[in-house]
Amino acid sequence: MFKKLGDFSVKRNFVDAFLFYLVYGAAGVFLCGVITSMIVEVSSLSSVDDVKLLAMRVAPIVAGIYTFIVAFSVILIKHLNKDALAILFAIVGAFASSSLGLVFGFVPVAVLSAFERQTVATS
């Protein structure tokens, strides 16, 4: 189960997709915290309220970008770039991550990881 966690081309069952959601969602929360704190650190804000406001504006953007990068990676590796539903899942996940939070926004990406890999016809 843990061996194929880094392989985006695998078709996952429910348990594997849930594990994918937990691991990559937790990594996303950690990365969003680190990147947001780095951005806040380089800003020259003196007030705690200003720092909170900047962090509240930056964190959703970072979460949306992270979700879209992971979803786009799954789409490219599984050759789903002509599947409209897969692209819709990536877009919905990115928007949900930036508006509702990474916990909700990563659900469509976990479902996307359960899609079957498309075969590429070579000429």
N, C-alpha and C. Protein backbone atom coordinates (compact mmCIF):
# COMPACT_ATOMS: atom_id res chain seq x y z
N MET A 1 0.82 -1.18 0.00
CA MET A 1 0.00 0.00 0.00
C MET A 1 0.87 1.25 0.00
N PHE A 2 1.91 1.29 0.85
CA PHE A 2 2.76 2.47 0.91
C PHE A 2 3.77 2.51 -0.23
N LYS A 3 4.05 1.36 -0.86
CA LYS A 3 5.04 1.32 -1.93
C LYS A 3 4.61 2.15 -3.12
N LYS A 4 3.36 2.06 -3.47
CA LYS A 4 2.89 2.73 -4.68
C LYS A 4 2.27 4.10 -4.40
N LEU A 5 2.54 4.64 -3.23
CA LEU A 5 1.98 5.95 -2.87
C LEU A 5 2.54 7.06 -3.73
N GLY A 6 3.80 6.97 -4.09
CA GLY A 6 4.43 7.99 -4.92
C GLY A 6 4.22 7.80 -6.41
N ASP A 7 3.64 6.68 -6.80
CA ASP A 7 3.39 6.40 -8.21
C ASP A 7 2.01 6.94 -8.58
N PHE A 8 1.98 8.02 -9.34
CA PHE A 8 0.70 8.63 -9.71
C PHE A 8 -0.03 7.87 -10.80
N SER A 9 0.63 6.94 -11.47
CA SER A 9 -0.01 6.25 -12.59
C SER A 9 -0.86 5.07 -12.15
N VAL A 10 -0.84 4.73 -10.87
CA VAL A 10 -1.58 3.57 -10.36
C VAL A 10 -3.05 3.92 -10.20
N LYS A 11 -3.93 2.97 -10.61
CA LYS A 11 -5.36 3.13 -10.33
C LYS A 11 -5.59 2.70 -8.89
N ARG A 12 -6.11 3.58 -8.09
CA ARG A 12 -6.25 3.31 -6.67
C ARG A 12 -7.67 2.87 -6.33
N ASN A 13 -7.77 1.99 -5.33
CA ASN A 13 -9.08 1.67 -4.79
C ASN A 13 -9.42 2.69 -3.71
N PHE A 14 -10.52 2.48 -3.00
CA PHE A 14 -10.98 3.46 -2.02
C PHE A 14 -9.96 3.67 -0.91
N VAL A 15 -9.41 2.58 -0.39
CA VAL A 15 -8.46 2.68 0.72
C VAL A 15 -7.18 3.39 0.27
N ASP A 16 -6.68 3.03 -0.92
CA ASP A 16 -5.48 3.69 -1.44
C ASP A 16 -5.72 5.16 -1.73
N ALA A 17 -6.90 5.50 -2.26
CA ALA A 17 -7.22 6.90 -2.53
C ALA A 17 -7.34 7.69 -1.22
N PHE A 18 -7.87 7.06 -0.18
CA PHE A 18 -7.97 7.73 1.12
C PHE A 18 -6.58 7.94 1.71
N LEU A 19 -5.70 6.95 1.56
CA LEU A 19 -4.32 7.10 2.03
C LEU A 19 -3.60 8.19 1.24
N PHE A 20 -3.83 8.24 -0.07
CA PHE A 20 -3.29 9.30 -0.92
C PHE A 20 -3.76 10.66 -0.42
N TYR A 21 -5.04 10.77 -0.10
CA TYR A 21 -5.63 12.00 0.42
C TYR A 21 -4.96 12.41 1.73
N LEU A 22 -4.78 11.47 2.64
CA LEU A 22 -4.19 11.79 3.94
C LEU A 22 -2.74 12.23 3.82
N VAL A 23 -1.95 11.48 3.05
CA VAL A 23 -0.52 11.77 2.98
C VAL A 23 -0.26 13.06 2.21
N TYR A 24 -0.83 13.18 1.01
CA TYR A 24 -0.57 14.37 0.21
C TYR A 24 -1.31 15.60 0.75
N GLY A 25 -2.43 15.39 1.41
CA GLY A 25 -3.12 16.50 2.06
C GLY A 25 -2.32 17.03 3.23
N ALA A 26 -1.77 16.12 4.05
CA ALA A 26 -0.95 16.54 5.18
C ALA A 26 0.33 17.22 4.69
N ALA A 27 0.92 16.69 3.62
CA ALA A 27 2.11 17.33 3.05
C ALA A 27 1.75 18.72 2.53
N GLY A 28 0.58 18.87 1.95
CA GLY A 28 0.14 20.17 1.46
C GLY A 28 -0.08 21.17 2.57
N VAL A 29 -0.68 20.73 3.66
CA VAL A 29 -0.88 21.62 4.81
C VAL A 29 0.46 22.07 5.36
N PHE A 30 1.41 21.13 5.46
CA PHE A 30 2.75 21.47 5.95
C PHE A 30 3.44 22.46 5.01
N LEU A 31 3.41 22.17 3.70
CA LEU A 31 4.06 23.05 2.73
C LEU A 31 3.41 24.44 2.70
N CYS A 32 2.09 24.48 2.79
CA CYS A 32 1.40 25.77 2.82
C CYS A 32 1.83 26.58 4.04
N GLY A 33 1.96 25.91 5.17
CA GLY A 33 2.41 26.61 6.37
C GLY A 33 3.82 27.13 6.24
N VAL A 34 4.70 26.30 5.69
CA VAL A 34 6.10 26.71 5.53
C VAL A 34 6.22 27.86 4.54
N ILE A 35 5.59 27.73 3.38
CA ILE A 35 5.70 28.76 2.35
C ILE A 35 5.06 30.07 2.83
N THR A 36 3.91 29.96 3.47
CA THR A 36 3.25 31.17 3.98
C THR A 36 4.10 31.84 5.05
N SER A 37 4.69 31.06 5.93
CA SER A 37 5.52 31.68 6.96
C SER A 37 6.78 32.30 6.37
N MET A 38 7.31 31.71 5.29
CA MET A 38 8.47 32.31 4.63
C MET A 38 8.09 33.63 3.98
N ILE A 39 6.92 33.70 3.37
CA ILE A 39 6.47 34.95 2.75
C ILE A 39 6.21 36.00 3.81
N VAL A 40 5.60 35.60 4.91
CA VAL A 40 5.33 36.55 6.00
C VAL A 40 6.64 37.02 6.61
N GLU A 41 7.62 36.14 6.70
CA GLU A 41 8.91 36.49 7.30
C GLU A 41 9.64 37.58 6.50
N VAL A 42 9.60 37.51 5.18
CA VAL A 42 10.31 38.50 4.38
C VAL A 42 9.54 39.81 4.28
N SER A 43 8.26 39.79 4.60
CA SER A 43 7.51 41.06 4.59
C SER A 43 7.90 41.86 5.82
N SER A 44 7.87 43.14 5.67
CA SER A 44 8.30 44.02 6.77
C SER A 44 7.07 44.59 7.48
N LEU A 45 6.27 43.70 8.02
CA LEU A 45 5.09 44.13 8.74
C LEU A 45 5.40 44.18 10.23
N SER A 46 4.87 45.19 10.88
CA SER A 46 5.17 45.35 12.30
C SER A 46 4.01 44.90 13.19
N SER A 47 2.82 44.98 12.69
CA SER A 47 1.65 44.66 13.50
C SER A 47 1.28 43.18 13.36
N VAL A 48 0.85 42.60 14.44
CA VAL A 48 0.41 41.20 14.43
C VAL A 48 -0.83 41.04 13.56
N ASP A 49 -1.70 42.03 13.60
CA ASP A 49 -2.91 41.97 12.79
C ASP A 49 -2.59 42.02 11.29
N ASP A 50 -1.59 42.81 10.92
CA ASP A 50 -1.17 42.85 9.52
C ASP A 50 -0.58 41.51 9.06
N VAL A 51 0.18 40.89 9.95
CA VAL A 51 0.76 39.58 9.63
C VAL A 51 -0.33 38.54 9.46
N LYS A 52 -1.32 38.55 10.35
CA LYS A 52 -2.45 37.62 10.24
C LYS A 52 -3.20 37.83 8.94
N LEU A 53 -3.43 39.07 8.59
CA LEU A 53 -4.15 39.39 7.36
C LEU A 53 -3.38 38.92 6.12
N LEU A 54 -2.08 39.14 6.11
CA LEU A 54 -1.27 38.68 4.99
C LEU A 54 -1.26 37.15 4.90
N ALA A 55 -1.14 36.48 6.04
CA ALA A 55 -1.15 35.02 6.05
C ALA A 55 -2.49 34.48 5.58
N MET A 56 -3.58 35.14 5.95
CA MET A 56 -4.91 34.69 5.53
C MET A 56 -5.13 34.91 4.04
N ARG A 57 -4.41 35.83 3.44
CA ARG A 57 -4.52 36.07 2.00
C ARG A 57 -3.59 35.16 1.20
N VAL A 58 -2.42 34.85 1.75
CA VAL A 58 -1.42 34.08 1.01
C VAL A 58 -1.70 32.58 1.08
N ALA A 59 -2.10 32.07 2.24
CA ALA A 59 -2.26 30.62 2.43
C ALA A 59 -3.26 29.98 1.45
N PRO A 60 -4.42 30.58 1.19
CA PRO A 60 -5.33 29.96 0.21
C PRO A 60 -4.76 29.91 -1.21
N ILE A 61 -3.99 30.90 -1.57
CA ILE A 61 -3.36 30.91 -2.89
C ILE A 61 -2.35 29.78 -3.00
N VAL A 62 -1.54 29.61 -1.97
CA VAL A 62 -0.55 28.54 -1.96
C VAL A 62 -1.24 27.18 -1.98
N ALA A 63 -2.33 27.03 -1.22
CA ALA A 63 -3.06 25.76 -1.19
C ALA A 63 -3.66 25.44 -2.56
N GLY A 64 -4.21 26.43 -3.23
CA GLY A 64 -4.78 26.20 -4.56
C GLY A 64 -3.71 25.81 -5.57
N ILE A 65 -2.57 26.45 -5.50
CA ILE A 65 -1.47 26.13 -6.42
C ILE A 65 -0.96 24.72 -6.16
N TYR A 66 -0.77 24.37 -4.89
CA TYR A 66 -0.31 23.02 -4.54
C TYR A 66 -1.28 21.96 -5.04
N THR A 67 -2.56 22.17 -4.80
CA THR A 67 -3.57 21.20 -5.23
C THR A 67 -3.56 21.06 -6.75
N PHE A 68 -3.47 22.16 -7.46
CA PHE A 68 -3.47 22.09 -8.91
C PHE A 68 -2.21 21.40 -9.44
N ILE A 69 -1.07 21.62 -8.80
CA ILE A 69 0.16 20.96 -9.25
C ILE A 69 0.06 19.45 -9.07
N VAL A 70 -0.45 19.00 -7.93
CA VAL A 70 -0.59 17.55 -7.71
C VAL A 70 -1.63 16.97 -8.68
N ALA A 71 -2.75 17.65 -8.86
CA ALA A 71 -3.78 17.16 -9.78
C ALA A 71 -3.28 17.15 -11.22
N PHE A 72 -2.55 18.18 -11.61
CA PHE A 72 -2.00 18.24 -12.97
C PHE A 72 -0.97 17.15 -13.18
N SER A 73 -0.21 16.82 -12.15
CA SER A 73 0.76 15.73 -12.25
C SER A 73 0.06 14.40 -12.46
N VAL A 74 -1.02 14.18 -11.73
CA VAL A 74 -1.79 12.94 -11.91
C VAL A 74 -2.37 12.88 -13.32
N ILE A 75 -2.89 14.00 -13.81
CA ILE A 75 -3.47 14.03 -15.15
C ILE A 75 -2.41 13.74 -16.21
N LEU A 76 -1.25 14.33 -16.09
CA LEU A 76 -0.20 14.11 -17.08
C LEU A 76 0.34 12.70 -17.05
N ILE A 77 0.58 12.16 -15.87
CA ILE A 77 1.16 10.83 -15.77
C ILE A 77 0.17 9.76 -16.19
N LYS A 78 -1.12 9.97 -15.93
CA LYS A 78 -2.13 8.99 -16.34
C LYS A 78 -2.64 9.23 -17.76
N HIS A 79 -2.10 10.23 -18.45
CA HIS A 79 -2.50 10.58 -19.82
C HIS A 79 -4.00 10.88 -19.90
N LEU A 80 -4.47 11.66 -18.93
CA LEU A 80 -5.89 12.04 -18.89
C LEU A 80 -6.11 13.46 -19.40
N ASN A 81 -5.16 13.98 -20.17
CA ASN A 81 -5.26 15.38 -20.59
C ASN A 81 -6.38 15.63 -21.60
N LYS A 82 -6.97 14.59 -22.15
CA LYS A 82 -8.12 14.78 -23.03
C LYS A 82 -9.44 14.40 -22.36
N ASP A 83 -9.37 14.08 -21.10
CA ASP A 83 -10.56 13.71 -20.33
C ASP A 83 -11.09 14.96 -19.62
N ALA A 84 -12.24 15.43 -20.06
CA ALA A 84 -12.80 16.67 -19.51
C ALA A 84 -13.15 16.53 -18.04
N LEU A 85 -13.60 15.35 -17.64
CA LEU A 85 -13.96 15.15 -16.23
C LEU A 85 -12.73 15.24 -15.34
N ALA A 86 -11.61 14.70 -15.78
CA ALA A 86 -10.38 14.76 -15.00
C ALA A 86 -9.90 16.21 -14.86
N ILE A 87 -9.98 16.96 -15.93
CA ILE A 87 -9.57 18.37 -15.88
C ILE A 87 -10.52 19.15 -14.97
N LEU A 88 -11.80 18.83 -15.02
CA LEU A 88 -12.77 19.48 -14.15
C LEU A 88 -12.48 19.18 -12.67
N PHE A 89 -12.11 17.93 -12.38
CA PHE A 89 -11.75 17.57 -11.01
C PHE A 89 -10.55 18.39 -10.54
N ALA A 90 -9.56 18.59 -11.40
CA ALA A 90 -8.37 19.37 -11.03
C ALA A 90 -8.74 20.82 -10.76
N ILE A 91 -9.57 21.39 -11.60
CA ILE A 91 -9.97 22.79 -11.43
C ILE A 91 -10.83 22.97 -10.19
N VAL A 92 -11.79 22.06 -9.99
CA VAL A 92 -12.65 22.14 -8.80
C VAL A 92 -11.83 21.97 -7.54
N GLY A 93 -10.86 21.05 -7.56
CA GLY A 93 -10.00 20.85 -6.41
C GLY A 93 -9.19 22.09 -6.07
N ALA A 94 -8.64 22.73 -7.10
CA ALA A 94 -7.84 23.94 -6.87
C ALA A 94 -8.70 25.07 -6.31
N PHE A 95 -9.88 25.27 -6.88
CA PHE A 95 -10.76 26.33 -6.37
C PHE A 95 -11.28 26.01 -4.98
N ALA A 96 -11.58 24.75 -4.72
CA ALA A 96 -12.06 24.37 -3.39
C ALA A 96 -10.95 24.52 -2.35
N SER A 97 -9.72 24.22 -2.74
CA SER A 97 -8.60 24.40 -1.81
C SER A 97 -8.40 25.86 -1.46
N SER A 98 -8.56 26.72 -2.44
CA SER A 98 -8.34 28.14 -2.16
C SER A 98 -9.52 28.80 -1.46
N SER A 99 -10.71 28.23 -1.59
CA SER A 99 -11.85 28.87 -0.94
C SER A 99 -12.30 28.14 0.33
N LEU A 100 -12.30 26.80 0.33
CA LEU A 100 -12.77 26.05 1.49
C LEU A 100 -11.65 25.50 2.36
N GLY A 101 -10.46 25.44 1.79
CA GLY A 101 -9.32 24.89 2.52
C GLY A 101 -8.83 23.61 1.87
N LEU A 102 -7.61 23.27 2.17
CA LEU A 102 -6.98 22.12 1.55
C LEU A 102 -7.64 20.81 1.95
N VAL A 103 -8.26 20.76 3.11
CA VAL A 103 -8.92 19.54 3.56
C VAL A 103 -10.06 19.17 2.62
N PHE A 104 -10.84 20.14 2.19
CA PHE A 104 -11.94 19.86 1.27
C PHE A 104 -11.48 19.85 -0.18
N GLY A 105 -10.54 20.67 -0.51
CA GLY A 105 -10.11 20.79 -1.89
C GLY A 105 -9.31 19.61 -2.40
N PHE A 106 -8.74 18.83 -1.49
CA PHE A 106 -7.95 17.70 -1.94
C PHE A 106 -8.79 16.46 -2.19
N VAL A 107 -10.06 16.48 -1.84
CA VAL A 107 -10.94 15.33 -2.10
C VAL A 107 -11.08 15.05 -3.61
N PRO A 108 -11.33 16.05 -4.47
CA PRO A 108 -11.38 15.74 -5.90
C PRO A 108 -10.07 15.20 -6.47
N VAL A 109 -8.95 15.59 -5.90
CA VAL A 109 -7.66 15.08 -6.36
C VAL A 109 -7.51 13.61 -5.96
N ALA A 110 -7.98 13.25 -4.77
CA ALA A 110 -7.94 11.85 -4.35
C ALA A 110 -8.85 11.00 -5.23
N VAL A 111 -10.00 11.54 -5.61
CA VAL A 111 -10.88 10.82 -6.54
C VAL A 111 -10.20 10.71 -7.90
N LEU A 112 -9.53 11.76 -8.31
CA LEU A 112 -8.80 11.76 -9.58
C LEU A 112 -7.71 10.69 -9.59
N SER A 113 -7.11 10.44 -8.45
CA SER A 113 -6.07 9.41 -8.39
C SER A 113 -6.64 8.01 -8.57
N ALA A 114 -7.95 7.85 -8.43
CA ALA A 114 -8.59 6.55 -8.62
C ALA A 114 -9.02 6.32 -10.07
N PHE A 115 -8.84 7.31 -10.94
CA PHE A 115 -9.17 7.14 -12.36
C PHE A 115 -8.22 6.12 -12.98
N GLU A 116 -8.70 5.45 -14.00
CA GLU A 116 -7.88 4.47 -14.72
C GLU A 116 -6.95 5.19 -15.68
N ARG A 117 -5.75 4.67 -15.79
CA ARG A 117 -4.76 5.25 -16.70
C ARG A 117 -5.17 4.99 -18.14
N GLN A 118 -5.09 6.03 -18.96
CA GLN A 118 -5.42 5.90 -20.39
C GLN A 118 -4.20 5.41 -21.16
N THR A 119 -4.43 4.55 -22.12
CA THR A 119 -3.33 4.07 -22.94
C THR A 119 -3.12 5.04 -24.08
N VAL A 120 -1.86 5.25 -24.41
CA VAL A 120 -1.51 6.20 -25.45
C VAL A 120 -1.21 5.40 -26.72
N ALA A 121 -1.92 5.74 -27.80
CA ALA A 121 -1.69 5.08 -29.09
C ALA A 121 -0.50 5.72 -29.76
N THR A 122 0.46 4.91 -30.13
CA THR A 122 1.64 5.43 -30.83
C THR A 122 1.51 5.08 -32.31
N SER A 123 1.95 6.01 -33.12
CA SER A 123 1.85 5.81 -34.57
C SER A 123 3.10 5.21 -35.13
